[in-house]
Amino acid sequence: MASFDAIESEVLRDVLSQVMELVTDDLDRADPVVARLFPDFYPDDAEASTDLHRYTDDDLKAAKLDQAGTVLDLLPRGGGTVRLDEEQAATWLRALTDARLALGLRIDVRDDTDLEAEIDDAVLADPTSPRVQQLSVYAFLTLLQASLVEALAGY
């Protein structure tokens, strides 16, 4: 069970809607986010990569859209409580992973990024900057994802 206030609900809706837009558009393989969400398993063999994408992209797109759609369907507008069964929680986890990957790449958050220090630096530079908002959303998605992992693991 999780409770979302109106702002959290709207932020999550916005982020997942952006991921859905990215996935429903023609895939621009030059876009690093698209490349990460639809990876080349044969980077040294363009023909094999193209063949694999031809056979898998539609299913992968459908799965990503379904996952984001499930979150949007279960997320109360204006905030509220969400109760998820294990399958729904796993679906939310996959959707949040896509959202974090996309946003993390866009704002250049890496595995070794100290998120708290990055937020502190951004706030000191300009507390109203888009960077502060982007990092805050990324931190929010990270917290949601961690809480789902803990719930699924039975902690």
N, C-alpha and C. Protein backbone atom coordinates (compact mmCIF):
# COMPACT_ATOMS: atom_id res chain seq x y z
N MET A 1 0.84 -1.18 0.00
CA MET A 1 0.00 0.00 0.00
C MET A 1 0.89 1.24 0.00
N ALA A 2 0.49 2.22 -0.78
CA ALA A 2 1.22 3.48 -0.84
C ALA A 2 0.21 4.61 -0.97
N SER A 3 0.56 5.73 -0.38
CA SER A 3 -0.28 6.92 -0.50
C SER A 3 0.46 7.98 -1.28
N PHE A 4 -0.25 8.60 -2.20
CA PHE A 4 0.31 9.66 -3.03
C PHE A 4 -0.50 10.92 -2.81
N ASP A 5 0.20 12.04 -2.63
CA ASP A 5 -0.52 13.30 -2.59
C ASP A 5 -0.77 13.74 -4.03
N ALA A 6 -1.48 14.82 -4.20
CA ALA A 6 -1.87 15.26 -5.55
C ALA A 6 -0.65 15.58 -6.42
N ILE A 7 0.36 16.19 -5.83
CA ILE A 7 1.56 16.54 -6.61
C ILE A 7 2.32 15.28 -7.02
N GLU A 8 2.51 14.35 -6.09
CA GLU A 8 3.21 13.11 -6.42
C GLU A 8 2.48 12.35 -7.53
N SER A 9 1.18 12.30 -7.42
CA SER A 9 0.38 11.62 -8.44
C SER A 9 0.54 12.28 -9.80
N GLU A 10 0.49 13.60 -9.83
CA GLU A 10 0.62 14.33 -11.09
C GLU A 10 2.02 14.18 -11.68
N VAL A 11 3.05 14.21 -10.84
CA VAL A 11 4.43 14.04 -11.33
C VAL A 11 4.59 12.66 -11.94
N LEU A 12 4.10 11.65 -11.26
CA LEU A 12 4.23 10.29 -11.78
C LEU A 12 3.44 10.13 -13.09
N ARG A 13 2.27 10.71 -13.15
CA ARG A 13 1.47 10.68 -14.39
C ARG A 13 2.23 11.36 -15.54
N ASP A 14 2.82 12.49 -15.25
CA ASP A 14 3.55 13.24 -16.28
C ASP A 14 4.75 12.45 -16.79
N VAL A 15 5.53 11.90 -15.89
CA VAL A 15 6.73 11.17 -16.28
C VAL A 15 6.35 9.94 -17.12
N LEU A 16 5.36 9.19 -16.67
CA LEU A 16 4.98 7.99 -17.41
C LEU A 16 4.33 8.33 -18.74
N SER A 17 3.62 9.42 -18.80
CA SER A 17 3.05 9.86 -20.08
C SER A 17 4.16 10.22 -21.06
N GLN A 18 5.23 10.83 -20.56
CA GLN A 18 6.36 11.16 -21.43
C GLN A 18 7.05 9.90 -21.95
N VAL A 19 7.18 8.90 -21.09
CA VAL A 19 7.77 7.63 -21.53
C VAL A 19 6.88 7.00 -22.59
N MET A 20 5.57 7.03 -22.38
CA MET A 20 4.64 6.46 -23.36
C MET A 20 4.76 7.19 -24.70
N GLU A 21 4.88 8.50 -24.68
CA GLU A 21 5.05 9.27 -25.92
C GLU A 21 6.33 8.86 -26.63
N LEU A 22 7.39 8.71 -25.88
CA LEU A 22 8.67 8.31 -26.46
C LEU A 22 8.57 6.93 -27.12
N VAL A 23 7.85 6.03 -26.48
CA VAL A 23 7.73 4.67 -26.97
C VAL A 23 6.77 4.57 -28.15
N THR A 24 5.77 5.43 -28.20
CA THR A 24 4.80 5.34 -29.29
C THR A 24 5.29 6.05 -30.55
N ASP A 25 6.23 6.95 -30.41
CA ASP A 25 6.81 7.61 -31.58
C ASP A 25 7.65 6.61 -32.36
N ASP A 26 7.96 6.96 -33.61
CA ASP A 26 8.94 6.16 -34.35
C ASP A 26 10.23 6.19 -33.55
N LEU A 27 10.80 5.04 -33.37
CA LEU A 27 11.99 4.95 -32.53
C LEU A 27 13.19 5.56 -33.22
N ASP A 28 13.74 6.57 -32.58
CA ASP A 28 14.95 7.22 -33.07
C ASP A 28 16.15 6.55 -32.40
N ARG A 29 16.77 5.65 -33.10
CA ARG A 29 17.87 4.86 -32.54
C ARG A 29 19.07 5.74 -32.16
N ALA A 30 19.13 6.96 -32.67
CA ALA A 30 20.21 7.87 -32.29
C ALA A 30 19.96 8.49 -30.92
N ASP A 31 18.73 8.43 -30.43
CA ASP A 31 18.38 8.97 -29.11
C ASP A 31 18.90 7.99 -28.06
N PRO A 32 19.76 8.45 -27.14
CA PRO A 32 20.33 7.54 -26.14
C PRO A 32 19.27 6.88 -25.25
N VAL A 33 18.16 7.56 -25.02
CA VAL A 33 17.09 6.95 -24.21
C VAL A 33 16.46 5.79 -24.96
N VAL A 34 16.17 5.98 -26.23
CA VAL A 34 15.61 4.90 -27.05
C VAL A 34 16.61 3.74 -27.11
N ALA A 35 17.87 4.07 -27.30
CA ALA A 35 18.91 3.03 -27.35
C ALA A 35 18.96 2.23 -26.05
N ARG A 36 18.72 2.89 -24.95
CA ARG A 36 18.75 2.19 -23.64
C ARG A 36 17.48 1.37 -23.42
N LEU A 37 16.34 1.90 -23.83
CA LEU A 37 15.07 1.18 -23.64
C LEU A 37 14.89 0.04 -24.65
N PHE A 38 15.53 0.17 -25.80
CA PHE A 38 15.47 -0.83 -26.86
C PHE A 38 16.91 -1.16 -27.28
N PRO A 39 17.64 -1.86 -26.42
CA PRO A 39 19.07 -2.04 -26.66
C PRO A 39 19.38 -2.94 -27.85
N ASP A 40 20.55 -2.71 -28.41
CA ASP A 40 21.09 -3.59 -29.44
C ASP A 40 21.84 -4.71 -28.73
N PHE A 41 21.39 -5.93 -28.96
CA PHE A 41 22.07 -7.07 -28.35
C PHE A 41 23.27 -7.53 -29.18
N TYR A 42 23.34 -7.03 -30.40
CA TYR A 42 24.45 -7.35 -31.29
C TYR A 42 25.08 -6.05 -31.80
N PRO A 43 25.71 -5.28 -30.94
CA PRO A 43 26.24 -3.97 -31.36
C PRO A 43 27.29 -4.04 -32.46
N ASP A 44 27.93 -5.18 -32.60
CA ASP A 44 28.95 -5.32 -33.64
C ASP A 44 28.41 -5.95 -34.92
N ASP A 45 27.10 -6.21 -34.94
CA ASP A 45 26.49 -6.84 -36.11
C ASP A 45 25.18 -6.11 -36.42
N ALA A 46 25.28 -5.08 -37.24
CA ALA A 46 24.12 -4.24 -37.56
C ALA A 46 22.97 -5.04 -38.16
N GLU A 47 23.29 -5.99 -39.00
CA GLU A 47 22.23 -6.79 -39.64
C GLU A 47 21.47 -7.64 -38.62
N ALA A 48 22.20 -8.28 -37.72
CA ALA A 48 21.56 -9.09 -36.68
C ALA A 48 20.74 -8.20 -35.75
N SER A 49 21.25 -7.02 -35.41
CA SER A 49 20.51 -6.09 -34.55
C SER A 49 19.22 -5.65 -35.22
N THR A 50 19.31 -5.31 -36.50
CA THR A 50 18.12 -4.88 -37.25
C THR A 50 17.09 -5.99 -37.29
N ASP A 51 17.53 -7.22 -37.54
CA ASP A 51 16.61 -8.36 -37.58
C ASP A 51 15.94 -8.56 -36.22
N LEU A 52 16.74 -8.53 -35.17
CA LEU A 52 16.17 -8.73 -33.84
C LEU A 52 15.16 -7.64 -33.51
N HIS A 53 15.49 -6.39 -33.81
CA HIS A 53 14.55 -5.30 -33.54
C HIS A 53 13.26 -5.47 -34.35
N ARG A 54 13.39 -5.93 -35.57
CA ARG A 54 12.21 -6.13 -36.40
C ARG A 54 11.25 -7.14 -35.76
N TYR A 55 11.80 -8.14 -35.09
CA TYR A 55 10.97 -9.18 -34.48
C TYR A 55 10.56 -8.88 -33.05
N THR A 56 11.27 -7.99 -32.37
CA THR A 56 10.99 -7.78 -30.94
C THR A 56 10.45 -6.41 -30.56
N ASP A 57 10.70 -5.40 -31.38
CA ASP A 57 10.34 -4.03 -30.99
C ASP A 57 8.85 -3.85 -30.73
N ASP A 58 8.01 -4.41 -31.57
CA ASP A 58 6.57 -4.23 -31.38
C ASP A 58 6.11 -4.82 -30.05
N ASP A 59 6.60 -6.01 -29.72
CA ASP A 59 6.23 -6.62 -28.44
C ASP A 59 6.79 -5.83 -27.26
N LEU A 60 8.02 -5.36 -27.40
CA LEU A 60 8.63 -4.58 -26.33
C LEU A 60 7.89 -3.26 -26.14
N LYS A 61 7.54 -2.61 -27.25
CA LYS A 61 6.75 -1.37 -27.16
C LYS A 61 5.43 -1.63 -26.45
N ALA A 62 4.74 -2.69 -26.87
CA ALA A 62 3.44 -3.02 -26.27
C ALA A 62 3.58 -3.27 -24.77
N ALA A 63 4.63 -3.98 -24.38
CA ALA A 63 4.84 -4.26 -22.96
C ALA A 63 5.09 -2.98 -22.18
N LYS A 64 5.91 -2.10 -22.73
CA LYS A 64 6.22 -0.85 -22.04
C LYS A 64 4.97 0.03 -21.93
N LEU A 65 4.16 0.06 -22.98
CA LEU A 65 2.92 0.83 -22.95
C LEU A 65 1.93 0.24 -21.96
N ASP A 66 1.82 -1.08 -21.93
CA ASP A 66 0.93 -1.74 -20.97
C ASP A 66 1.35 -1.47 -19.53
N GLN A 67 2.67 -1.53 -19.29
CA GLN A 67 3.18 -1.30 -17.94
C GLN A 67 2.87 0.12 -17.47
N ALA A 68 3.20 1.08 -18.30
CA ALA A 68 2.92 2.48 -17.94
C ALA A 68 1.42 2.70 -17.81
N GLY A 69 0.64 2.10 -18.71
CA GLY A 69 -0.81 2.22 -18.65
C GLY A 69 -1.39 1.65 -17.37
N THR A 70 -0.83 0.54 -16.90
CA THR A 70 -1.29 -0.06 -15.64
C THR A 70 -1.06 0.90 -14.49
N VAL A 71 0.11 1.51 -14.45
CA VAL A 71 0.39 2.48 -13.38
C VAL A 71 -0.61 3.63 -13.46
N LEU A 72 -0.82 4.16 -14.64
CA LEU A 72 -1.73 5.29 -14.80
C LEU A 72 -3.16 4.90 -14.44
N ASP A 73 -3.57 3.69 -14.77
CA ASP A 73 -4.92 3.23 -14.43
C ASP A 73 -5.13 3.10 -12.93
N LEU A 74 -4.09 2.66 -12.22
CA LEU A 74 -4.22 2.42 -10.78
C LEU A 74 -3.88 3.63 -9.92
N LEU A 75 -3.24 4.61 -10.51
CA LEU A 75 -2.83 5.80 -9.77
C LEU A 75 -4.00 6.78 -9.68
N PRO A 76 -4.47 7.06 -8.45
CA PRO A 76 -5.63 7.96 -8.33
C PRO A 76 -5.29 9.39 -8.74
N ARG A 77 -6.16 9.96 -9.54
CA ARG A 77 -6.01 11.38 -9.90
C ARG A 77 -6.24 12.20 -8.65
N GLY A 78 -5.40 13.18 -8.45
CA GLY A 78 -5.55 14.03 -7.28
C GLY A 78 -5.00 13.41 -6.02
N GLY A 79 -4.35 12.28 -6.13
CA GLY A 79 -3.76 11.63 -4.97
C GLY A 79 -4.68 10.61 -4.35
N GLY A 80 -4.13 9.80 -3.48
CA GLY A 80 -4.90 8.76 -2.81
C GLY A 80 -4.03 7.55 -2.53
N THR A 81 -4.68 6.50 -2.11
CA THR A 81 -4.00 5.27 -1.71
C THR A 81 -4.04 4.25 -2.84
N VAL A 82 -2.93 3.57 -3.01
CA VAL A 82 -2.82 2.51 -4.01
C VAL A 82 -2.46 1.21 -3.30
N ARG A 83 -3.22 0.18 -3.61
CA ARG A 83 -2.91 -1.16 -3.11
C ARG A 83 -2.63 -2.04 -4.32
N LEU A 84 -1.49 -2.69 -4.29
CA LEU A 84 -1.08 -3.49 -5.43
C LEU A 84 -0.93 -4.95 -5.02
N ASP A 85 -1.36 -5.85 -5.91
CA ASP A 85 -1.00 -7.25 -5.70
C ASP A 85 0.41 -7.45 -6.22
N GLU A 86 0.94 -8.64 -6.08
CA GLU A 86 2.34 -8.88 -6.45
C GLU A 86 2.57 -8.64 -7.94
N GLU A 87 1.66 -9.08 -8.78
CA GLU A 87 1.82 -8.89 -10.23
C GLU A 87 1.78 -7.40 -10.60
N GLN A 88 0.85 -6.66 -9.99
CA GLN A 88 0.78 -5.22 -10.26
C GLN A 88 2.03 -4.51 -9.78
N ALA A 89 2.54 -4.91 -8.61
CA ALA A 89 3.76 -4.30 -8.08
C ALA A 89 4.94 -4.54 -9.03
N ALA A 90 5.03 -5.75 -9.58
CA ALA A 90 6.11 -6.05 -10.54
C ALA A 90 5.94 -5.20 -11.80
N THR A 91 4.71 -5.00 -12.24
CA THR A 91 4.45 -4.16 -13.40
C THR A 91 4.85 -2.72 -13.12
N TRP A 92 4.48 -2.21 -11.95
CA TRP A 92 4.87 -0.86 -11.56
C TRP A 92 6.40 -0.75 -11.53
N LEU A 93 7.05 -1.77 -11.01
CA LEU A 93 8.51 -1.75 -10.91
C LEU A 93 9.14 -1.63 -12.30
N ARG A 94 8.65 -2.37 -13.26
CA ARG A 94 9.19 -2.29 -14.62
C ARG A 94 8.93 -0.91 -15.23
N ALA A 95 7.75 -0.36 -15.00
CA ALA A 95 7.43 0.97 -15.53
C ALA A 95 8.32 2.04 -14.89
N LEU A 96 8.54 1.93 -13.59
CA LEU A 96 9.41 2.88 -12.90
C LEU A 96 10.86 2.75 -13.38
N THR A 97 11.28 1.54 -13.67
CA THR A 97 12.63 1.34 -14.19
C THR A 97 12.79 2.07 -15.52
N ASP A 98 11.81 1.92 -16.41
CA ASP A 98 11.87 2.64 -17.69
C ASP A 98 11.92 4.15 -17.47
N ALA A 99 11.08 4.64 -16.56
CA ALA A 99 11.03 6.08 -16.31
C ALA A 99 12.35 6.59 -15.74
N ARG A 100 12.92 5.85 -14.79
CA ARG A 100 14.21 6.26 -14.20
C ARG A 100 15.33 6.21 -15.23
N LEU A 101 15.34 5.16 -16.05
CA LEU A 101 16.36 5.08 -17.10
C LEU A 101 16.27 6.27 -18.03
N ALA A 102 15.06 6.56 -18.48
CA ALA A 102 14.86 7.67 -19.42
C ALA A 102 15.28 9.00 -18.79
N LEU A 103 14.76 9.28 -17.61
CA LEU A 103 15.09 10.55 -16.97
C LEU A 103 16.57 10.62 -16.59
N GLY A 104 17.10 9.53 -16.06
CA GLY A 104 18.51 9.51 -15.67
C GLY A 104 19.43 9.81 -16.84
N LEU A 105 19.13 9.25 -18.00
CA LEU A 105 19.94 9.54 -19.18
C LEU A 105 19.79 11.00 -19.60
N ARG A 106 18.57 11.51 -19.57
CA ARG A 106 18.33 12.89 -20.00
C ARG A 106 19.04 13.91 -19.11
N ILE A 107 19.12 13.61 -17.80
CA ILE A 107 19.72 14.58 -16.88
C ILE A 107 21.13 14.18 -16.45
N ASP A 108 21.67 13.14 -17.08
CA ASP A 108 23.04 12.70 -16.86
C ASP A 108 23.28 12.25 -15.42
N VAL A 109 22.39 11.40 -14.91
CA VAL A 109 22.60 10.75 -13.62
C VAL A 109 23.17 9.38 -13.92
N ARG A 110 24.30 9.09 -13.29
CA ARG A 110 25.00 7.82 -13.53
C ARG A 110 25.02 6.99 -12.26
N ASP A 111 25.50 5.78 -12.38
CA ASP A 111 25.57 4.89 -11.21
C ASP A 111 26.38 5.50 -10.08
N ASP A 112 27.42 6.26 -10.42
CA ASP A 112 28.29 6.82 -9.39
C ASP A 112 27.89 8.24 -8.96
N THR A 113 26.74 8.71 -9.44
CA THR A 113 26.28 10.05 -9.05
C THR A 113 25.81 10.04 -7.61
N ASP A 114 26.30 10.98 -6.84
CA ASP A 114 25.82 11.18 -5.47
C ASP A 114 24.60 12.09 -5.59
N LEU A 115 23.43 11.49 -5.59
CA LEU A 115 22.20 12.22 -5.86
C LEU A 115 21.95 13.34 -4.85
N GLU A 116 22.19 13.06 -3.58
CA GLU A 116 21.97 14.10 -2.57
C GLU A 116 22.90 15.30 -2.81
N ALA A 117 24.16 15.03 -3.07
CA ALA A 117 25.11 16.12 -3.32
C ALA A 117 24.74 16.87 -4.60
N GLU A 118 24.29 16.14 -5.61
CA GLU A 118 23.89 16.76 -6.87
C GLU A 118 22.69 17.70 -6.65
N ILE A 119 21.72 17.24 -5.86
CA ILE A 119 20.55 18.08 -5.55
C ILE A 119 20.99 19.30 -4.74
N ASP A 120 21.84 19.08 -3.73
CA ASP A 120 22.32 20.20 -2.92
C ASP A 120 23.03 21.24 -3.78
N ASP A 121 23.90 20.78 -4.68
CA ASP A 121 24.62 21.71 -5.56
C ASP A 121 23.65 22.48 -6.46
N ALA A 122 22.66 21.78 -6.99
CA ALA A 122 21.69 22.43 -7.88
C ALA A 122 20.86 23.47 -7.11
N VAL A 123 20.49 23.14 -5.89
CA VAL A 123 19.71 24.08 -5.07
C VAL A 123 20.54 25.31 -4.74
N LEU A 124 21.80 25.11 -4.41
CA LEU A 124 22.67 26.24 -4.11
C LEU A 124 22.86 27.14 -5.33
N ALA A 125 22.95 26.53 -6.50
CA ALA A 125 23.14 27.32 -7.73
C ALA A 125 21.89 28.10 -8.09
N ASP A 126 20.72 27.45 -7.99
CA ASP A 126 19.45 28.11 -8.31
C ASP A 126 18.31 27.19 -7.88
N PRO A 127 17.71 27.49 -6.74
CA PRO A 127 16.67 26.59 -6.20
C PRO A 127 15.43 26.46 -7.09
N THR A 128 15.27 27.35 -8.04
CA THR A 128 14.09 27.27 -8.91
C THR A 128 14.43 26.71 -10.30
N SER A 129 15.63 26.19 -10.45
CA SER A 129 16.08 25.72 -11.76
C SER A 129 15.38 24.42 -12.16
N PRO A 130 15.28 24.20 -13.45
CA PRO A 130 14.75 22.91 -13.93
C PRO A 130 15.57 21.73 -13.42
N ARG A 131 16.87 21.94 -13.23
CA ARG A 131 17.74 20.86 -12.75
C ARG A 131 17.30 20.37 -11.38
N VAL A 132 16.93 21.28 -10.49
CA VAL A 132 16.46 20.89 -9.16
C VAL A 132 15.20 20.05 -9.30
N GLN A 133 14.30 20.48 -10.14
CA GLN A 133 13.05 19.74 -10.34
C GLN A 133 13.32 18.36 -10.93
N GLN A 134 14.18 18.29 -11.93
CA GLN A 134 14.49 17.01 -12.57
C GLN A 134 15.14 16.04 -11.59
N LEU A 135 16.10 16.53 -10.82
CA LEU A 135 16.76 15.67 -9.84
C LEU A 135 15.79 15.23 -8.75
N SER A 136 14.90 16.11 -8.36
CA SER A 136 13.91 15.77 -7.34
C SER A 136 12.95 14.69 -7.85
N VAL A 137 12.55 14.80 -9.09
CA VAL A 137 11.68 13.77 -9.69
C VAL A 137 12.43 12.45 -9.76
N TYR A 138 13.69 12.49 -10.16
CA TYR A 138 14.49 11.28 -10.22
C TYR A 138 14.60 10.64 -8.83
N ALA A 139 14.84 11.44 -7.82
CA ALA A 139 14.92 10.93 -6.44
C ALA A 139 13.59 10.32 -6.01
N PHE A 140 12.49 10.95 -6.38
CA PHE A 140 11.15 10.43 -6.07
C PHE A 140 10.95 9.07 -6.73
N LEU A 141 11.30 8.95 -8.01
CA LEU A 141 11.16 7.68 -8.71
C LEU A 141 12.04 6.60 -8.08
N THR A 142 13.24 6.99 -7.65
CA THR A 142 14.16 6.07 -7.00
C THR A 142 13.57 5.56 -5.69
N LEU A 143 12.98 6.45 -4.91
CA LEU A 143 12.34 6.06 -3.65
C LEU A 143 11.17 5.12 -3.89
N LEU A 144 10.35 5.42 -4.88
CA LEU A 144 9.22 4.53 -5.20
C LEU A 144 9.72 3.16 -5.61
N GLN A 145 10.73 3.15 -6.46
CA GLN A 145 11.26 1.89 -6.94
C GLN A 145 11.84 1.06 -5.77
N ALA A 146 12.58 1.70 -4.91
CA ALA A 146 13.17 1.00 -3.75
C ALA A 146 12.10 0.45 -2.84
N SER A 147 11.04 1.22 -2.63
CA SER A 147 9.97 0.72 -1.73
C SER A 147 9.25 -0.47 -2.35
N LEU A 148 9.11 -0.47 -3.67
CA LEU A 148 8.49 -1.63 -4.34
C LEU A 148 9.39 -2.85 -4.26
N VAL A 149 10.67 -2.66 -4.47
CA VAL A 149 11.61 -3.78 -4.36
C VAL A 149 11.54 -4.37 -2.96
N GLU A 150 11.54 -3.53 -1.95
CA GLU A 150 11.47 -4.02 -0.56
C GLU A 150 10.16 -4.75 -0.32
N ALA A 151 9.06 -4.21 -0.83
CA ALA A 151 7.76 -4.87 -0.64
C ALA A 151 7.74 -6.24 -1.33
N LEU A 152 8.27 -6.32 -2.54
CA LEU A 152 8.30 -7.58 -3.27
C LEU A 152 9.24 -8.60 -2.61
N ALA A 153 10.29 -8.09 -1.99
CA ALA A 153 11.26 -8.98 -1.31
C ALA A 153 10.77 -9.39 0.07
N GLY A 154 9.69 -8.77 0.54
CA GLY A 154 9.12 -9.15 1.83
C GLY A 154 9.76 -8.50 3.03
N TYR A 155 10.42 -7.34 2.83
CA TYR A 155 11.05 -6.64 3.96
C TYR A 155 10.04 -5.91 4.78
